[in-house]
């Protein structure tokens, strides 16, 4: 039942979700604005993504670290 719901949601959102270089977004292209301020400092402001790859990577690292700690506790 759970897999049917997940697959149906993916099929429904197939045309609304795009994978770009920063993550998963609702827009095909990144909406980044790059500019230099009056002092010559470079700024890059991007629109928010639905899911950022950095956020996913951080979550996976935490999960792996937690599982390694649990295994080490069991071994000891």
PDB file of N, CA and C in Angstrom:
ATOM      1  N   UNK A   1       0.825  -1.190   0.000  1.00  0.00           N
ATOM      2  CA  UNK A   1       0.000   0.000   0.000  1.00  0.00           C
ATOM      3  C   UNK A   1       0.873   1.260   0.000  1.00  0.00           C
ATOM      4  N   UNK A   2       1.925   1.202   0.816  1.00  0.00           N
ATOM      5  CA  UNK A   2       2.809   2.355   0.920  1.00  0.00           C
ATOM      6  C   UNK A   2       3.520   2.613  -0.418  1.00  0.00           C
ATOM      7  N   UNK A   3       3.961   1.539  -1.075  1.00  0.00           N
ATOM      8  CA  UNK A   3       4.661   1.708  -2.345  1.00  0.00           C
ATOM      9  C   UNK A   3       3.722   2.228  -3.426  1.00  0.00           C
ATOM     10  N   UNK A   4       2.460   1.816  -3.379  1.00  0.00           N
ATOM     11  CA  UNK A   4       1.491   2.308  -4.358  1.00  0.00           C
ATOM     12  C   UNK A   4       1.296   3.814  -4.197  1.00  0.00           C
ATOM     13  N   UNK A   5       1.225   4.280  -2.958  1.00  0.00           N
ATOM     14  CA  UNK A   5       1.066   5.717  -2.712  1.00  0.00           C
ATOM     15  C   UNK A   5       2.290   6.501  -3.184  1.00  0.00           C
ATOM     16  N   UNK A   6       3.465   5.972  -2.913  1.00  0.00           N
ATOM     17  CA  UNK A   6       4.692   6.656  -3.315  1.00  0.00           C
ATOM     18  C   UNK A   6       4.800   6.703  -4.833  1.00  0.00           C
ATOM     19  N   UNK A   7       4.524   5.580  -5.496  1.00  0.00           N
ATOM     20  CA  UNK A   7       4.607   5.552  -6.955  1.00  0.00           C
ATOM     21  C   UNK A   7       3.565   6.456  -7.608  1.00  0.00           C
ATOM     22  N   UNK A   8       2.366   6.474  -7.066  1.00  0.00           N
ATOM     23  CA  UNK A   8       1.338   7.342  -7.640  1.00  0.00           C
ATOM     24  C   UNK A   8       1.695   8.817  -7.447  1.00  0.00           C
ATOM     25  N   UNK A   9       2.275   9.174  -6.307  1.00  0.00           N
ATOM     26  CA  UNK A   9       2.702  10.553  -6.080  1.00  0.00           C
ATOM     27  C   UNK A   9       3.819  10.942  -7.051  1.00  0.00           C
ATOM     28  N   UNK A  10       4.747  10.025  -7.287  1.00  0.00           N
ATOM     29  CA  UNK A  10       5.821  10.310  -8.237  1.00  0.00           C
ATOM     30  C   UNK A  10       5.292  10.493  -9.651  1.00  0.00           C
ATOM     31  N   UNK A  11       4.339   9.692 -10.038  1.00  0.00           N
ATOM     32  CA  UNK A  11       3.771   9.827 -11.379  1.00  0.00           C
ATOM     33  C   UNK A  11       2.988  11.126 -11.534  1.00  0.00           C
ATOM     34  N   UNK A  12       2.289  11.531 -10.487  1.00  0.00           N
ATOM     35  CA  UNK A  12       1.526  12.771 -10.559  1.00  0.00           C
ATOM     36  C   UNK A  12       2.430  14.000 -10.605  1.00  0.00           C
ATOM     37  N   UNK A  13       3.551  13.947  -9.898  1.00  0.00           N
ATOM     38  CA  UNK A  13       4.466  15.089  -9.831  1.00  0.00           C
ATOM     39  C   UNK A  13       5.561  15.030 -10.882  1.00  0.00           C
ATOM     40  N   UNK A  14       5.462  14.117 -11.798  1.00  0.00           N
ATOM     41  CA  UNK A  14       6.499  13.896 -12.791  1.00  0.00           C
ATOM     42  C   UNK A  14       6.808  15.149 -13.607  1.00  0.00           C
ATOM     43  N   UNK A  15       5.831  15.912 -13.984  1.00  0.00           N
ATOM     44  CA  UNK A  15       6.060  17.109 -14.785  1.00  0.00           C
ATOM     45  C   UNK A  15       6.284  18.360 -13.962  1.00  0.00           C
ATOM     46  N   UNK A  16       6.179  18.284 -12.646  1.00  0.00           N
ATOM     47  CA  UNK A  16       6.279  19.464 -11.791  1.00  0.00           C
ATOM     48  C   UNK A  16       7.585  19.545 -11.016  1.00  0.00           C
ATOM     49  N   UNK A  17       8.371  18.471 -11.028  1.00  0.00           N
ATOM     50  CA  UNK A  17       9.592  18.415 -10.230  1.00  0.00           C
ATOM     51  C   UNK A  17      10.772  18.218 -11.178  1.00  0.00           C
ATOM     52  N   UNK A  18      11.804  19.042 -10.998  1.00  0.00           N
ATOM     53  CA  UNK A  18      12.981  18.985 -11.855  1.00  0.00           C
ATOM     54  C   UNK A  18      14.230  18.816 -10.997  1.00  0.00           C
ATOM     55  N   UNK A  19      15.208  18.098 -11.538  1.00  0.00           N
ATOM     56  CA  UNK A  19      16.494  17.906 -10.867  1.00  0.00           C
ATOM     57  C   UNK A  19      17.489  18.863 -11.494  1.00  0.00           C
ATOM     58  N   UNK A  20      18.021  19.779 -10.686  1.00  0.00           N
ATOM     59  CA  UNK A  20      19.044  20.692 -11.171  1.00  0.00           C
ATOM     60  C   UNK A  20      20.331  20.452 -10.395  1.00  0.00           C
ATOM     61  N   UNK A  21      21.350  21.283 -10.610  1.00  0.00           N
ATOM     62  CA  UNK A  21      22.654  21.023  -9.998  1.00  0.00           C
ATOM     63  C   UNK A  21      22.690  21.284  -8.493  1.00  0.00           C
ATOM     64  N   UNK A  22      21.689  21.948  -7.932  1.00  0.00           N
ATOM     65  CA  UNK A  22      21.669  22.209  -6.493  1.00  0.00           C
ATOM     66  C   UNK A  22      20.718  21.306  -5.731  1.00  0.00           C
ATOM     67  N   UNK A  23      19.761  20.680  -6.433  1.00  0.00           N
ATOM     68  CA  UNK A  23      18.798  19.837  -5.750  1.00  0.00           C
ATOM     69  C   UNK A  23      17.557  19.608  -6.591  1.00  0.00           C
ATOM     70  N   UNK A  24      16.449  19.376  -5.921  1.00  0.00           N
ATOM     71  CA  UNK A  24      15.171  19.142  -6.584  1.00  0.00           C
ATOM     72  C   UNK A  24      14.352  20.418  -6.458  1.00  0.00           C
ATOM     73  N   UNK A  25      13.842  20.892  -7.596  1.00  0.00           N
ATOM     74  CA  UNK A  25      13.166  22.182  -7.617  1.00  0.00           C
ATOM     75  C   UNK A  25      11.867  22.092  -8.408  1.00  0.00           C
ATOM     76  N   UNK A  26      11.056  23.086  -8.278  1.00  0.00           N
ATOM     77  CA  UNK A  26       9.841  23.186  -9.049  1.00  0.00           C
ATOM     78  C   UNK A  26      10.046  23.922 -10.358  1.00  0.00           C
ATOM     79  N   UNK A  27      11.273  24.407 -10.599  1.00  0.00           N
ATOM     80  CA  UNK A  27      11.598  25.136 -11.825  1.00  0.00           C
ATOM     81  C   UNK A  27      12.721  24.407 -12.547  1.00  0.00           C
ATOM     82  N   UNK A  28      12.692  24.462 -13.863  1.00  0.00           N
ATOM     83  CA  UNK A  28      13.695  23.746 -14.648  1.00  0.00           C
ATOM     84  C   UNK A  28      15.086  24.354 -14.483  1.00  0.00           C
ATOM     85  N   UNK A  29      15.176  25.678 -14.495  1.00  0.00           N
ATOM     86  CA  UNK A  29      16.466  26.348 -14.360  1.00  0.00           C
ATOM     87  C   UNK A  29      16.604  26.943 -12.965  1.00  0.00           C
ATOM     88  N   UNK A  30      17.854  27.071 -12.522  1.00  0.00           N
ATOM     89  CA  UNK A  30      18.119  27.722 -11.246  1.00  0.00           C
ATOM     90  C   UNK A  30      17.790  29.202 -11.352  1.00  0.00           C
ATOM     91  N   UNK A  31      17.131  29.711 -10.335  1.00  0.00           N
ATOM     92  CA  UNK A  31      16.815  31.127 -10.311  1.00  0.00           C
ATOM     93  C   UNK A  31      17.847  31.898  -9.515  1.00  0.00           C
ATOM     94  N   UNK A  32      19.118  31.759  -9.873  1.00  0.00           N
ATOM     95  CA  UNK A  32      20.186  32.427  -9.129  1.00  0.00           C
ATOM     96  C   UNK A  32      20.463  33.808  -9.709  1.00  0.00           C
ATOM     97  N   UNK A  33      20.684  34.746  -8.821  1.00  0.00           N
ATOM     98  CA  UNK A  33      21.060  36.097  -9.227  1.00  0.00           C
ATOM     99  C   UNK A  33      22.460  36.354  -8.693  1.00  0.00           C
ATOM    100  N   UNK A  34      23.363  36.683  -9.587  1.00  0.00           N
ATOM    101  CA  UNK A  34      24.752  36.943  -9.219  1.00  0.00           C
ATOM    102  C   UNK A  34      25.036  38.424  -9.420  1.00  0.00           C
ATOM    103  N   UNK A  35      25.693  39.020  -8.441  1.00  0.00           N
ATOM    104  CA  UNK A  35      26.000  40.445  -8.559  1.00  0.00           C
ATOM    105  C   UNK A  35      27.147  40.811  -7.633  1.00  0.00           C
ATOM    106  N   UNK A  36      27.742  41.952  -7.908  1.00  0.00           N
ATOM    107  CA  UNK A  36      28.770  42.540  -7.047  1.00  0.00           C
ATOM    108  C   UNK A  36      28.175  43.760  -6.381  1.00  0.00           C
ATOM    109  N   UNK A  37      28.436  43.916  -5.092  1.00  0.00           N
ATOM    110  CA  UNK A  37      27.920  45.092  -4.402  1.00  0.00           C
ATOM    111  C   UNK A  37      28.884  46.266  -4.597  1.00  0.00           C
ATOM    112  N   UNK A  38      28.607  47.368  -3.929  1.00  0.00           N
ATOM    113  CA  UNK A  38      29.396  48.589  -4.107  1.00  0.00           C
ATOM    114  C   UNK A  38      30.841  48.430  -3.653  1.00  0.00           C
ATOM    115  N   UNK A  39      31.099  47.496  -2.727  1.00  0.00           N
ATOM    116  CA  UNK A  39      32.458  47.277  -2.241  1.00  0.00           C
ATOM    117  C   UNK A  39      33.211  46.242  -3.081  1.00  0.00           C
ATOM    118  N   UNK A  40      32.557  45.668  -4.098  1.00  0.00           N
ATOM    119  CA  UNK A  40      33.208  44.705  -4.971  1.00  0.00           C
ATOM    120  C   UNK A  40      33.123  43.276  -4.475  1.00  0.00           C
ATOM    121  N   UNK A  41      32.241  43.019  -3.529  1.00  0.00           N
ATOM    122  CA  UNK A  41      32.089  41.667  -2.990  1.00  0.00           C
ATOM    123  C   UNK A  41      31.047  40.922  -3.826  1.00  0.00           C
ATOM    124  N   UNK A  42      31.400  39.692  -4.226  1.00  0.00           N
ATOM    125  CA  UNK A  42      30.540  38.880  -5.068  1.00  0.00           C
ATOM    126  C   UNK A  42      29.435  38.226  -4.233  1.00  0.00           C
ATOM    127  N   UNK A  43      28.215  38.252  -4.730  1.00  0.00           N
ATOM    128  CA  UNK A  43      27.071  37.629  -4.052  1.00  0.00           C
ATOM    129  C   UNK A  43      26.331  36.752  -5.044  1.00  0.00           C
ATOM    130  N   UNK A  44      25.834  35.633  -4.562  1.00  0.00           N
ATOM    131  CA  UNK A  44      25.005  34.747  -5.374  1.00  0.00           C
ATOM    132  C   UNK A  44      23.799  34.356  -4.537  1.00  0.00           C
ATOM    133  N   UNK A  45      22.631  34.791  -4.949  1.00  0.00           N
ATOM    134  CA  UNK A  45      21.389  34.517  -4.224  1.00  0.00           C
ATOM    135  C   UNK A  45      20.537  33.611  -5.103  1.00  0.00           C
ATOM    136  N   UNK A  46      20.173  32.436  -4.578  1.00  0.00           N
ATOM    137  CA  UNK A  46      19.405  31.471  -5.357  1.00  0.00           C
ATOM    138  C   UNK A  46      18.039  31.243  -4.723  1.00  0.00           C
ATOM    139  N   UNK A  47      17.079  30.883  -5.576  1.00  0.00           N
ATOM    140  CA  UNK A  47      15.758  30.517  -5.080  1.00  0.00           C
ATOM    141  C   UNK A  47      15.861  29.235  -4.260  1.00  0.00           C
ATOM    142  N   UNK A  48      14.911  29.044  -3.369  1.00  0.00           N
ATOM    143  CA  UNK A  48      14.903  27.839  -2.545  1.00  0.00           C
ATOM    144  C   UNK A  48      14.477  26.632  -3.367  1.00  0.00           C
ATOM    145  N   UNK A  49      15.108  25.499  -3.094  1.00  0.00           N
ATOM    146  CA  UNK A  49      14.728  24.239  -3.709  1.00  0.00           C
ATOM    147  C   UNK A  49      13.779  23.488  -2.794  1.00  0.00           C
ATOM    148  N   UNK A  50      13.097  22.494  -3.348  1.00  0.00           N
ATOM    149  CA  UNK A  50      12.268  21.625  -2.519  1.00  0.00           C
ATOM    150  C   UNK A  50      13.169  20.801  -1.614  1.00  0.00           C
ATOM    151  N   UNK A  51      14.221  20.209  -2.203  1.00  0.00           N
ATOM    152  CA  UNK A  51      15.214  19.431  -1.456  1.00  0.00           C
ATOM    153  C   UNK A  51      16.581  19.811  -1.999  1.00  0.00           C
ATOM    154  N   UNK A  52      17.502  20.158  -1.104  1.00  0.00           N
ATOM    155  CA  UNK A  52      18.880  20.439  -1.502  1.00  0.00           C
ATOM    156  C   UNK A  52      19.710  19.178  -1.350  1.00  0.00           C
ATOM    157  N   UNK A  53      20.635  18.968  -2.289  1.00  0.00           N
ATOM    158  CA  UNK A  53      21.500  17.792  -2.193  1.00  0.00           C
ATOM    159  C   UNK A  53      22.361  17.844  -0.948  1.00  0.00           C
ATOM    160  N   UNK A  54      22.750  19.030  -0.516  1.00  0.00           N
ATOM    161  CA  UNK A  54      23.571  19.158   0.689  1.00  0.00           C
ATOM    162  C   UNK A  54      22.795  18.674   1.912  1.00  0.00           C
ATOM    163  N   UNK A  55      21.524  19.012   1.985  1.00  0.00           N
ATOM    164  CA  UNK A  55      20.688  18.585   3.102  1.00  0.00           C
ATOM    165  C   UNK A  55      20.558  17.070   3.128  1.00  0.00           C
ATOM    166  N   UNK A  56      20.369  16.464   1.964  1.00  0.00           N
ATOM    167  CA  UNK A  56      20.252  15.011   1.885  1.00  0.00           C
ATOM    168  C   UNK A  56      21.566  14.362   2.296  1.00  0.00           C
ATOM    169  N   UNK A  57      22.681  14.904   1.824  1.00  0.00           N
ATOM    170  CA  UNK A  57      23.993  14.351   2.177  1.00  0.00           C
ATOM    171  C   UNK A  57      24.263  14.433   3.662  1.00  0.00           C
ATOM    172  N   UNK A  58      23.897  15.550   4.292  1.00  0.00           N
ATOM    173  CA  UNK A  58      24.085  15.688   5.733  1.00  0.00           C
ATOM    174  C   UNK A  58      23.248  14.670   6.493  1.00  0.00           C
ATOM    175  N   UNK A  59      22.020  14.438   6.045  1.00  0.00           N
ATOM    176  CA  UNK A  59      21.154  13.461   6.703  1.00  0.00           C
ATOM    177  C   UNK A  59      21.692  12.051   6.578  1.00  0.00           C
ATOM    178  N   UNK A  60      22.249  11.719   5.411  1.00  0.00           N
ATOM    179  CA  UNK A  60      22.813  10.386   5.210  1.00  0.00           C
ATOM    180  C   UNK A  60      24.035  10.200   6.089  1.00  0.00           C
ATOM    181  N   UNK A  61      24.885  11.224   6.189  1.00  0.00           N
ATOM    182  CA  UNK A  61      26.070  11.121   7.042  1.00  0.00           C
ATOM    183  C   UNK A  61      25.684  10.890   8.494  1.00  0.00           C
ATOM    184  N   UNK A  62      24.657  11.597   8.975  1.00  0.00           N
ATOM    185  CA  UNK A  62      24.203  11.414  10.352  1.00  0.00           C
ATOM    186  C   UNK A  62      23.695   9.998  10.567  1.00  0.00           C
ATOM    187  N   UNK A  63      22.943   9.472   9.596  1.00  0.00           N
ATOM    188  CA  UNK A  63      22.418   8.115   9.707  1.00  0.00           C
ATOM    189  C   UNK A  63      23.516   7.077   9.715  1.00  0.00           C
ATOM    190  N   UNK A  64      24.533   7.273   8.866  1.00  0.00           N
ATOM    191  CA  UNK A  64      25.651   6.333   8.824  1.00  0.00           C
ATOM    192  C   UNK A  64      26.430   6.394  10.122  1.00  0.00           C
ATOM    193  N   UNK A  65      26.699   7.592  10.628  1.00  0.00           N
ATOM    194  CA  UNK A  65      27.429   7.726  11.887  1.00  0.00           C
ATOM    195  C   UNK A  65      26.670   7.075  13.034  1.00  0.00           C
ATOM    196  N   UNK A  66      25.364   7.242  13.062  1.00  0.00           N
ATOM    197  CA  UNK A  66      24.536   6.649  14.114  1.00  0.00           C
ATOM    198  C   UNK A  66      24.584   5.127  14.025  1.00  0.00           C
ATOM    199  N   UNK A  67      24.511   4.573  12.818  1.00  0.00           N
ATOM    200  CA  UNK A  67      24.536   3.119  12.676  1.00  0.00           C
ATOM    201  C   UNK A  67      25.902   2.556  13.037  1.00  0.00           C
ATOM    202  N   UNK A  68      26.984   3.277  12.695  1.00  0.00           N
ATOM    203  CA  UNK A  68      28.326   2.824  13.064  1.00  0.00           C
ATOM    204  C   UNK A  68      28.483   2.847  14.581  1.00  0.00           C
ATOM    205  N   UNK A  69      27.985   3.878  15.237  1.00  0.00           N
ATOM    206  CA  UNK A  69      28.051   3.950  16.700  1.00  0.00           C
ATOM    207  C   UNK A  69      27.271   2.810  17.340  1.00  0.00           C
ATOM    208  N   UNK A  70      26.113   2.499  16.791  1.00  0.00           N
ATOM    209  CA  UNK A  70      25.301   1.406  17.336  1.00  0.00           C
ATOM    210  C   UNK A  70      26.008   0.071  17.180  1.00  0.00           C
ATOM    211  N   UNK A  71      26.610  -0.159  16.027  1.00  0.00           N
ATOM    212  CA  UNK A  71      27.343  -1.409  15.802  1.00  0.00           C
ATOM    213  C   UNK A  71      28.529  -1.499  16.750  1.00  0.00           C
ATOM    214  N   UNK A  72      29.244  -0.406  16.948  1.00  0.00           N
ATOM    215  CA  UNK A  72      30.382  -0.411  17.869  1.00  0.00           C
ATOM    216  C   UNK A  72      29.945  -0.706  19.296  1.00  0.00           C
ATOM    217  N   UNK A  73      28.807  -0.184  19.708  1.00  0.00           N
ATOM    218  CA  UNK A  73      28.295  -0.472  21.055  1.00  0.00           C
ATOM    219  C   UNK A  73      27.914  -1.934  21.193  1.00  0.00           C
ATOM    220  N   UNK A  74      27.350  -2.514  20.147  1.00  0.00           N
ATOM    221  CA  UNK A  74      26.958  -3.928  20.194  1.00  0.00           C
ATOM    222  C   UNK A  74      28.198  -4.804  20.261  1.00  0.00           C
ATOM    223  N   UNK A  75      29.229  -4.457  19.513  1.00  0.00           N
ATOM    224  CA  UNK A  75      30.460  -5.255  19.496  1.00  0.00           C
ATOM    225  C   UNK A  75      31.143  -5.212  20.858  1.00  0.00           C
ATOM    226  N   UNK A  76      31.126  -4.084  21.528  1.00  0.00           N
ATOM    227  CA  UNK A  76      31.786  -3.962  22.827  1.00  0.00           C
ATOM    228  C   UNK A  76      30.955  -4.652  23.840  1.00  0.00           C
TER     229      UNK A  76
END
